PDB file of N, CA and C in Angstrom:
ATOM      1  N   MET A   1     -65.715  39.698  75.507  1.00  0.00           N
ATOM      2  CA  MET A   1     -65.676  38.771  74.823  1.00  0.00           C
ATOM      3  C   MET A   1     -64.983  38.148  74.115  1.00  0.00           C
ATOM      4  N   THR A   2     -63.858  37.038  74.330  1.00  0.00           N
ATOM      5  CA  THR A   2     -62.759  37.065  73.770  1.00  0.00           C
ATOM      6  C   THR A   2     -62.614  35.416  72.596  1.00  0.00           C
ATOM      7  N   ALA A   3     -62.237  35.277  71.340  1.00  0.00           N
ATOM      8  CA  ALA A   3     -62.284  34.595  70.855  1.00  0.00           C
ATOM      9  C   ALA A   3     -60.882  33.509  70.965  1.00  0.00           C
ATOM     10  N   PRO A   4     -60.477  32.467  71.038  1.00  0.00           N
ATOM     11  CA  PRO A   4     -59.257  31.928  70.722  1.00  0.00           C
ATOM     12  C   PRO A   4     -59.052  31.946  69.713  1.00  0.00           C
ATOM     13  N   GLY A   5     -58.062  31.754  68.873  1.00  0.00           N
ATOM     14  CA  GLY A   5     -57.582  31.753  67.228  1.00  0.00           C
ATOM     15  C   GLY A   5     -57.720  30.503  67.201  1.00  0.00           C
ATOM     16  N   ALA A   6     -57.765  30.193  65.600  1.00  0.00           N
ATOM     17  CA  ALA A   6     -57.534  29.211  64.733  1.00  0.00           C
ATOM     18  C   ALA A   6     -56.729  29.051  64.171  1.00  0.00           C
ATOM     19  N   GLN A   7     -56.198  27.635  63.816  1.00  0.00           N
ATOM     20  CA  GLN A   7     -54.986  27.044  63.629  1.00  0.00           C
ATOM     21  C   GLN A   7     -55.189  25.790  62.100  1.00  0.00           C
ATOM     22  N   ILE A   8     -54.614  25.549  61.471  1.00  0.00           N
ATOM     23  CA  ILE A   8     -54.886  24.434  60.636  1.00  0.00           C
ATOM     24  C   ILE A   8     -52.905  24.482  60.967  1.00  0.00           C
ATOM     25  N   ASP A   9     -52.505  23.214  60.746  1.00  0.00           N
ATOM     26  CA  ASP A   9     -51.383  22.711  60.708  1.00  0.00           C
ATOM     27  C   ASP A   9     -51.341  22.652  57.852  1.00  0.00           C
ATOM     28  N   GLU A  10     -49.984  23.327  58.094  1.00  0.00           N
ATOM     29  CA  GLU A  10     -49.450  23.651  56.826  1.00  0.00           C
ATOM     30  C   GLU A  10     -49.511  23.038  56.113  1.00  0.00           C
ATOM     31  N   GLY A  11     -49.295  21.247  56.394  1.00  0.00           N
ATOM     32  CA  GLY A  11     -49.288  20.548  55.859  1.00  0.00           C
ATOM     33  C   GLY A  11     -50.880  19.065  55.793  1.00  0.00           C
ATOM     34  N   HIS A  12     -51.930  19.723  56.154  1.00  0.00           N
ATOM     35  CA  HIS A  12     -53.059  19.078  56.276  1.00  0.00           C
ATOM     36  C   HIS A  12     -53.301  19.256  55.273  1.00  0.00           C
ATOM     37  N   GLU A  13     -54.269  17.891  54.484  1.00  0.00           N
ATOM     38  CA  GLU A  13     -54.854  17.370  53.119  1.00  0.00           C
ATOM     39  C   GLU A  13     -55.924  18.770  53.140  1.00  0.00           C
ATOM     40  N   LEU A  14     -56.503  18.821  54.038  1.00  0.00           N
ATOM     41  CA  LEU A  14     -57.519  20.612  53.426  1.00  0.00           C
ATOM     42  C   LEU A  14     -56.367  21.799  52.730  1.00  0.00           C
ATOM     43  N   VAL A  15     -55.310  22.109  52.956  1.00  0.00           N
ATOM     44  CA  VAL A  15     -54.402  23.275  53.026  1.00  0.00           C
ATOM     45  C   VAL A  15     -54.350  23.193  51.213  1.00  0.00           C
ATOM     46  N   ALA A  16     -53.932  21.778  51.157  1.00  0.00           N
ATOM     47  CA  ALA A  16     -52.667  21.334  50.323  1.00  0.00           C
ATOM     48  C   ALA A  16     -54.387  21.078  49.369  1.00  0.00           C
ATOM     49  N   ALA A  17     -55.239  20.796  49.195  1.00  0.00           N
ATOM     50  CA  ALA A  17     -56.365  20.570  48.732  1.00  0.00           C
ATOM     51  C   ALA A  17     -57.303  22.222  47.948  1.00  0.00           C
ATOM     52  N   ILE A  18     -57.290  23.211  49.063  1.00  0.00           N
ATOM     53  CA  ILE A  18     -57.585  24.524  48.621  1.00  0.00           C
ATOM     54  C   ILE A  18     -55.942  25.002  46.960  1.00  0.00           C
ATOM     55  N   ASP A  19     -54.744  24.961  47.854  1.00  0.00           N
ATOM     56  CA  ASP A  19     -53.879  25.581  46.875  1.00  0.00           C
ATOM     57  C   ASP A  19     -54.586  25.165  45.521  1.00  0.00           C
ATOM     58  N   VAL A  20     -54.596  23.376  45.320  1.00  0.00           N
ATOM     59  CA  VAL A  20     -54.476  23.158  44.130  1.00  0.00           C
ATOM     60  C   VAL A  20     -55.540  24.023  43.458  1.00  0.00           C
ATOM     61  N   ALA A  21     -56.392  23.716  43.933  1.00  0.00           N
ATOM     62  CA  ALA A  21     -57.895  24.422  43.332  1.00  0.00           C
ATOM     63  C   ALA A  21     -57.915  25.577  42.958  1.00  0.00           C
ATOM     64  N   HIS A  22     -57.088  26.089  43.984  1.00  0.00           N
ATOM     65  CA  HIS A  22     -56.923  27.601  43.402  1.00  0.00           C
ATOM     66  C   HIS A  22     -56.116  27.731  42.824  1.00  0.00           C
ATOM     67  N   THR A  23     -55.490  27.041  42.249  1.00  0.00           N
ATOM     68  CA  THR A  23     -53.947  27.406  41.800  1.00  0.00           C
ATOM     69  C   THR A  23     -54.710  27.025  39.769  1.00  0.00           C
ATOM     70  N   GLU A  24     -55.574  26.004  39.943  1.00  0.00           N
ATOM     71  CA  GLU A  24     -56.354  25.990  38.708  1.00  0.00           C
ATOM     72  C   GLU A  24     -57.028  26.373  38.800  1.00  0.00           C
ATOM     73  N   VAL A  25     -57.749  27.582  39.124  1.00  0.00           N
ATOM     74  CA  VAL A  25     -58.751  27.968  38.871  1.00  0.00           C
ATOM     75  C   VAL A  25     -58.403  29.327  38.533  1.00  0.00           C
ATOM     76  N   TRP A  26     -57.650  30.348  39.814  1.00  0.00           N
ATOM     77  CA  TRP A  26     -57.065  31.689  39.939  1.00  0.00           C
ATOM     78  C   TRP A  26     -55.812  31.920  38.630  1.00  0.00           C
ATOM     79  N   GLY A  27     -55.329  30.888  38.750  1.00  0.00           N
ATOM     80  CA  GLY A  27     -53.977  30.457  37.705  1.00  0.00           C
ATOM     81  C   GLY A  27     -52.753  30.466  38.721  1.00  0.00           C
ATOM     82  N   GLU A  28     -52.626  30.934  39.762  1.00  0.00           N
ATOM     83  CA  GLU A  28     -51.584  31.787  40.884  1.00  0.00           C
ATOM     84  C   GLU A  28     -52.122  30.828  42.348  1.00  0.00           C
ATOM     85  N   ALA A  29     -50.808  30.776  42.428  1.00  0.00           N
ATOM     86  CA  ALA A  29     -51.198  29.756  44.357  1.00  0.00           C
ATOM     87  C   ALA A  29     -51.675  31.172  45.125  1.00  0.00           C
ATOM     88  N   PRO A  30     -52.579  30.359  45.943  1.00  0.00           N
ATOM     89  CA  PRO A  30     -53.222  31.680  47.162  1.00  0.00           C
ATOM     90  C   PRO A  30     -52.160  32.641  47.485  1.00  0.00           C
ATOM     91  N   GLU A  31     -52.717  33.497  48.529  1.00  0.00           N
ATOM     92  CA  GLU A  31     -51.773  34.456  49.455  1.00  0.00           C
ATOM     93  C   GLU A  31     -51.868  33.240  50.129  1.00  0.00           C
ATOM     94  N   ARG A  32     -51.129  33.917  51.821  1.00  0.00           N
ATOM     95  CA  ARG A  32     -51.865  33.401  53.110  1.00  0.00           C
ATOM     96  C   ARG A  32     -51.539  34.675  54.093  1.00  0.00           C
ATOM     97  N   ASP A  33     -52.323  35.056  54.549  1.00  0.00           N
ATOM     98  CA  ASP A  33     -52.943  35.631  55.823  1.00  0.00           C
ATOM     99  C   ASP A  33     -53.222  35.614  56.846  1.00  0.00           C
ATOM    100  N   VAL A  34     -53.324  36.326  58.000  1.00  0.00           N
ATOM    101  CA  VAL A  34     -54.102  36.777  58.865  1.00  0.00           C
ATOM    102  C   VAL A  34     -55.508  37.189  59.398  1.00  0.00           C
ATOM    103  N   THR A  35     -56.550  35.684  59.157  1.00  0.00           N
ATOM    104  CA  THR A  35     -57.484  36.789  59.482  1.00  0.00           C
ATOM    105  C   THR A  35     -57.727  38.178  61.263  1.00  0.00           C
ATOM    106  N   ARG A  36     -58.747  39.444  61.109  1.00  0.00           N
ATOM    107  CA  ARG A  36     -58.384  39.415  62.241  1.00  0.00           C
ATOM    108  C   ARG A  36     -59.468  40.294  62.764  1.00  0.00           C
ATOM    109  N   TRP A  37     -60.859  39.510  61.907  1.00  0.00           N
ATOM    110  CA  TRP A  37     -62.050  39.750  62.237  1.00  0.00           C
ATOM    111  C   TRP A  37     -62.048  37.823  62.674  1.00  0.00           C
ATOM    112  N   PHE A  38     -63.579  38.161  63.235  1.00  0.00           N
ATOM    113  CA  PHE A  38     -63.902  36.761  64.082  1.00  0.00           C
ATOM    114  C   PHE A  38     -64.763  36.301  63.176  1.00  0.00           C
ATOM    115  N   SER A  39     -64.329  34.920  63.464  1.00  0.00           N
ATOM    116  CA  SER A  39     -65.353  33.525  62.528  1.00  0.00           C
ATOM    117  C   SER A  39     -65.616  32.504  63.255  1.00  0.00           C
ATOM    118  N   ASP A  40     -66.292  31.438  62.712  1.00  0.00           N
ATOM    119  CA  ASP A  40     -66.182  30.546  63.618  1.00  0.00           C
ATOM    120  C   ASP A  40     -65.245  30.075  63.533  1.00  0.00           C
ATOM    121  N   ALA A  41     -64.061  29.564  62.987  1.00  0.00           N
ATOM    122  CA  ALA A  41     -63.231  28.959  62.851  1.00  0.00           C
ATOM    123  C   ALA A  41     -63.159  28.899  63.865  1.00  0.00           C
ATOM    124  N   SER A  42     -62.918  29.781  64.739  1.00  0.00           N
ATOM    125  CA  SER A  42     -62.712  28.990  66.181  1.00  0.00           C
ATOM    126  C   SER A  42     -63.116  28.743  67.178  1.00  0.00           C
ATOM    127  N   ALA A  43     -64.613  28.236  67.176  1.00  0.00           N
ATOM    128  CA  ALA A  43     -65.284  27.271  67.641  1.00  0.00           C
ATOM    129  C   ALA A  43     -65.003  25.684  67.121  1.00  0.00           C
ATOM    130  N   LEU A  44     -65.246  25.828  65.450  1.00  0.00           N
ATOM    131  CA  LEU A  44     -64.545  24.525  65.326  1.00  0.00           C
ATOM    132  C   LEU A  44     -63.910  24.161  65.490  1.00  0.00           C
ATOM    133  N   THR A  45     -62.660  24.776  65.225  1.00  0.00           N
ATOM    134  CA  THR A  45     -60.699  24.305  65.578  1.00  0.00           C
ATOM    135  C   THR A  45     -61.217  23.825  67.463  1.00  0.00           C
ATOM    136  N   ARG A  46     -62.081  23.955  68.188  1.00  0.00           N
ATOM    137  CA  ARG A  46     -61.410  23.757  69.730  1.00  0.00           C
ATOM    138  C   ARG A  46     -62.486  21.808  69.811  1.00  0.00           C
ATOM    139  N   TYR A  47     -63.731  22.007  68.960  1.00  0.00           N
ATOM    140  CA  TYR A  47     -64.009  20.194  68.746  1.00  0.00           C
ATOM    141  C   TYR A  47     -63.368  19.930  67.777  1.00  0.00           C
ATOM    142  N   GLY A  48     -62.170  20.155  67.322  1.00  0.00           N
ATOM    143  CA  GLY A  48     -61.170  19.508  66.169  1.00  0.00           C
ATOM    144  C   GLY A  48     -61.522  19.492  64.800  1.00  0.00           C
ATOM    145  N   VAL A  49     -62.649  20.054  64.624  1.00  0.00           N
ATOM    146  CA  VAL A  49     -62.998  20.533  62.837  1.00  0.00           C
ATOM    147  C   VAL A  49     -61.534  21.026  61.854  1.00  0.00           C
ATOM    148  N   PRO A  50     -60.884  20.771  61.091  1.00  0.00           N
ATOM    149  CA  PRO A  50     -60.151  21.607  60.857  1.00  0.00           C
ATOM    150  C   PRO A  50     -61.104  22.676  59.804  1.00  0.00           C
ATOM    151  N   THR A  51     -60.572  23.831  60.443  1.00  0.00           N
ATOM    152  CA  THR A  51     -60.767  24.788  59.256  1.00  0.00           C
ATOM    153  C   THR A  51     -59.791  25.611  58.864  1.00  0.00           C
ATOM    154  N   VAL A  52     -60.317  26.250  57.858  1.00  0.00           N
ATOM    155  CA  VAL A  52     -59.720  27.831  57.523  1.00  0.00           C
ATOM    156  C   VAL A  52     -60.533  28.621  56.484  1.00  0.00           C
ATOM    157  N   ASN A  53     -60.189  29.539  56.670  1.00  0.00           N
ATOM    158  CA  ASN A  53     -60.800  30.649  56.317  1.00  0.00           C
ATOM    159  C   ASN A  53     -60.107  31.092  54.913  1.00  0.00           C
ATOM    160  N   TYR A  54     -60.889  30.909  54.017  1.00  0.00           N
ATOM    161  CA  TYR A  54     -60.692  31.512  51.826  1.00  0.00           C
ATOM    162  C   TYR A  54     -61.767  31.796  51.629  1.00  0.00           C
ATOM    163  N   GLY A  55     -61.261  33.113  50.708  1.00  0.00           N
ATOM    164  CA  GLY A  55     -62.632  33.669  50.129  1.00  0.00           C
ATOM    165  C   GLY A  55     -61.749  34.832  49.338  1.00  0.00           C
ATOM    166  N   THR A  56     -62.757  35.754  48.386  1.00  0.00           N
ATOM    167  CA  THR A  56     -61.961  36.797  47.272  1.00  0.00           C
ATOM    168  C   THR A  56     -61.586  37.663  49.088  1.00  0.00           C
ATOM    169  N   SER A  57     -61.279  38.269  48.645  1.00  0.00           N
ATOM    170  CA  SER A  57     -61.576  39.875  50.029  1.00  0.00           C
ATOM    171  C   SER A  57     -61.671  40.991  48.842  1.00  0.00           C
ATOM    172  N   THR A  58     -61.990  42.167  50.358  1.00  0.00           N
ATOM    173  CA  THR A  58     -62.132  43.731  49.394  1.00  0.00           C
ATOM    174  C   THR A  58     -61.272  44.167  50.189  1.00  0.00           C
ATOM    175  N   GLY A  59     -60.232  43.869  50.364  1.00  0.00           N
ATOM    176  CA  GLY A  59     -59.277  44.179  51.015  1.00  0.00           C
ATOM    177  C   GLY A  59     -59.911  45.664  52.165  1.00  0.00           C
ATOM    178  N   LEU A  60     -59.354  47.155  52.461  1.00  0.00           N
ATOM    179  CA  LEU A  60     -59.857  47.980  52.590  1.00  0.00           C
ATOM    180  C   LEU A  60     -61.542  47.940  52.778  1.00  0.00           C
ATOM    181  N   MET A  61     -62.081  47.880  53.223  1.00  0.00           N
ATOM    182  CA  MET A  61     -63.809  48.505  53.198  1.00  0.00           C
ATOM    183  C   MET A  61     -63.915  49.765  52.717  1.00  0.00           C
ATOM    184  N   ASP A  62     -64.370  50.091  51.362  1.00  0.00           N
ATOM    185  CA  ASP A  62     -64.607  51.428  51.071  1.00  0.00           C
ATOM    186  C   ASP A  62     -65.780  52.266  52.185  1.00  0.00           C
ATOM    187  N   VAL A  63     -65.331  53.695  51.928  1.00  0.00           N
ATOM    188  CA  VAL A  63     -66.413  54.178  52.923  1.00  0.00           C
ATOM    189  C   VAL A  63     -67.540  54.604  52.841  1.00  0.00           C
ATOM    190  N   GLU A  64     -67.562  54.765  51.386  1.00  0.00           N
ATOM    191  CA  GLU A  64     -68.856  54.708  50.388  1.00  0.00           C
ATOM    192  C   GLU A  64     -70.077  53.783  50.261  1.00  0.00           C
ATOM    193  N   LEU A  65     -69.119  52.821  49.535  1.00  0.00           N
ATOM    194  CA  LEU A  65     -69.882  51.032  49.509  1.00  0.00           C
ATOM    195  C   LEU A  65     -69.161  50.263  50.280  1.00  0.00           C
ATOM    196  N   GLY A  66     -68.932  50.370  51.855  1.00  0.00           N
ATOM    197  CA  GLY A  66     -68.773  49.485  52.956  1.00  0.00           C
ATOM    198  C   GLY A  66     -68.483  48.174  52.091  1.00  0.00           C
ATOM    199  N   GLU A  67     -68.830  46.950  52.390  1.00  0.00           N
ATOM    200  CA  GLU A  67     -68.276  45.440  52.356  1.00  0.00           C
ATOM    201  C   GLU A  67     -68.775  45.699  50.286  1.00  0.00           C
ATOM    202  N   ASN A  68     -67.821  45.025  49.276  1.00  0.00           N
ATOM    203  CA  ASN A  68     -68.399  45.027  48.339  1.00  0.00           C
ATOM    204  C   ASN A  68     -67.437  43.674  48.165  1.00  0.00           C
ATOM    205  N   LEU A  69     -68.040  43.501  46.786  1.00  0.00           N
ATOM    206  CA  LEU A  69     -66.731  42.297  45.963  1.00  0.00           C
ATOM    207  C   LEU A  69     -66.557  42.277  44.221  1.00  0.00           C
ATOM    208  N   GLU A  70     -65.694  41.529  43.359  1.00  0.00           N
ATOM    209  CA  GLU A  70     -66.217  41.906  42.471  1.00  0.00           C
ATOM    210  C   GLU A  70     -66.824  40.195  41.525  1.00  0.00           C
ATOM    211  N   ILE A  71     -68.158  39.577  40.937  1.00  0.00           N
ATOM    212  CA  ILE A  71     -68.857  38.756  40.683  1.00  0.00           C
ATOM    213  C   ILE A  71     -67.386  38.307  40.457  1.00  0.00           C
ATOM    214  N   ASP A  72     -66.833  38.183  39.222  1.00  0.00           N
ATOM    215  CA  ASP A  72     -65.823  36.847  39.143  1.00  0.00           C
ATOM    216  C   ASP A  72     -65.334  36.435  40.385  1.00  0.00           C
ATOM    217  N   GLY A  73     -64.832  37.196  41.095  1.00  0.00           N
ATOM    218  CA  GLY A  73     -64.146  36.466  42.429  1.00  0.00           C
ATOM    219  C   GLY A  73     -64.851  35.663  43.289  1.00  0.00           C
ATOM    220  N   LEU A  74     -65.954  36.314  43.169  1.00  0.00           N
ATOM    221  CA  LEU A  74     -67.647  35.592  44.048  1.00  0.00           C
ATOM    222  C   LEU A  74     -67.078  34.296  43.056  1.00  0.00           C
ATOM    223  N   VAL A  75     -67.234  33.953  42.257  1.00  0.00           N
ATOM    224  CA  VAL A  75     -67.735  32.620  40.921  1.00  0.00           C
ATOM    225  C   VAL A  75     -66.641  32.012  41.452  1.00  0.00           C
ATOM    226  N   LYS A  76     -65.274  32.789  41.188  1.00  0.00           N
ATOM    227  CA  LYS A  76     -64.117  31.756  41.088  1.00  0.00           C
ATOM    228  C   LYS A  76     -63.926  31.253  42.769  1.00  0.00           C
ATOM    229  N   THR A  77     -64.590  31.612  43.516  1.00  0.00           N
ATOM    230  CA  THR A  77     -63.889  31.223  44.996  1.00  0.00           C
ATOM    231  C   THR A  77     -64.801  30.037  44.954  1.00  0.00           C
ATOM    232  N   ALA A  78     -66.287  30.439  44.898  1.00  0.00           N
ATOM    233  CA  ALA A  78     -67.311  29.364  44.777  1.00  0.00           C
ATOM    234  C   ALA A  78     -66.930  27.526  43.530  1.00  0.00           C
ATOM    235  N   GLU A  79     -66.236  28.434  42.640  1.00  0.00           N
ATOM    236  CA  GLU A  79     -65.321  26.949  41.961  1.00  0.00           C
ATOM    237  C   GLU A  79     -64.193  26.427  42.936  1.00  0.00           C
ATOM    238  N   VAL A  80     -63.943  27.307  43.385  1.00  0.00           N
ATOM    239  CA  VAL A  80     -62.379  26.755  44.407  1.00  0.00           C
ATOM    240  C   VAL A  80     -63.336  25.911  45.207  1.00  0.00           C
ATOM    241  N   TYR A  81     -64.505  26.401  46.442  1.00  0.00           N
ATOM    242  CA  TYR A  81     -65.027  25.618  47.567  1.00  0.00           C
ATOM    243  C   TYR A  81     -65.963  23.432  46.249  1.00  0.00           C
ATOM    244  N   ALA A  82     -66.186  23.773  45.091  1.00  0.00           N
ATOM    245  CA  ALA A  82     -66.930  22.938  44.674  1.00  0.00           C
ATOM    246  C   ALA A  82     -66.055  21.953  44.591  1.00  0.00           C
ATOM    247  N   ARG A  83     -64.376  22.608  43.771  1.00  0.00           N
ATOM    248  CA  ARG A  83     -63.859  21.667  43.412  1.00  0.00           C
ATOM    249  C   ARG A  83     -62.907  21.165  45.053  1.00  0.00           C
ATOM    250  N   VAL A  84     -62.515  22.308  46.015  1.00  0.00           N
ATOM    251  CA  VAL A  84     -61.986  21.180  47.360  1.00  0.00           C
ATOM    252  C   VAL A  84     -63.092  20.493  47.871  1.00  0.00           C
ATOM    253  N   ALA A  85     -64.491  20.305  48.155  1.00  0.00           N
ATOM    254  CA  ALA A  85     -64.946  19.679  47.907  1.00  0.00           C
ATOM    255  C   ALA A  85     -64.898  18.446  47.477  1.00  0.00           C
ATOM    256  N   ALA A  86     -64.892  17.905  46.745  1.00  0.00           N
ATOM    257  CA  ALA A  86     -65.077  17.000  45.712  1.00  0.00           C
ATOM    258  C   ALA A  86     -63.895  16.062  45.847  1.00  0.00           C
ATOM    259  N   GLU A  87     -62.624  17.018  46.101  1.00  0.00           N
ATOM    260  CA  GLU A  87     -61.768  16.842  46.194  1.00  0.00           C
ATOM    261  C   GLU A  87     -61.584  15.399  47.406  1.00  0.00           C
ATOM    262  N   VAL A  88     -61.518  16.446  48.512  1.00  0.00           N
ATOM    263  CA  VAL A  88     -61.442  15.840  50.090  1.00  0.00           C
ATOM    264  C   VAL A  88     -63.187  15.079  49.996  1.00  0.00           C
ATOM    265  N   CYS A  89     -64.020  14.615  49.246  1.00  0.00           N
ATOM    266  CA  CYS A  89     -64.868  13.954  49.538  1.00  0.00           C
ATOM    267  C   CYS A  89     -64.503  12.195  48.774  1.00  0.00           C
ATOM    268  N   GLY A  90     -63.606  12.997  48.024  1.00  0.00           N
ATOM    269  CA  GLY A  90     -63.372  11.510  47.397  1.00  0.00           C
ATOM    270  C   GLY A  90     -63.791  11.210  45.718  1.00  0.00           C
ATOM    271  N   LEU A  91     -64.700  12.068  45.060  1.00  0.00           N
ATOM    272  CA  LEU A  91     -65.273  12.254  43.946  1.00  0.00           C
ATOM    273  C   LEU A  91     -64.347  12.894  42.737  1.00  0.00           C
ATOM    274  N   ALA A  92     -63.171  13.544  42.961  1.00  0.00           N
ATOM    275  CA  ALA A  92     -62.567  14.344  42.441  1.00  0.00           C
ATOM    276  C   ALA A  92     -61.537  13.465  41.000  1.00  0.00           C
TER     277      ALA A  92
END
């Protein structure tokens, strides 16, 4: 099985909202990366839904602990999601 990649224009309002919210919460601009794993972004993009994969990362997975994240990173990521949703929905 193969899945087409997902792409969003760097100037899209969703990207801008994430950049602003991330900078407010984390105190620095978000980094950009190309995901090498599958997500629903491919299917959503095919149907015209603007899509971004965003969140904190484990980096390379620990062979003993598996996938694991710092609680602080999860909390900050949730705050960014909330701020972005409020902005995009016109509630900010």
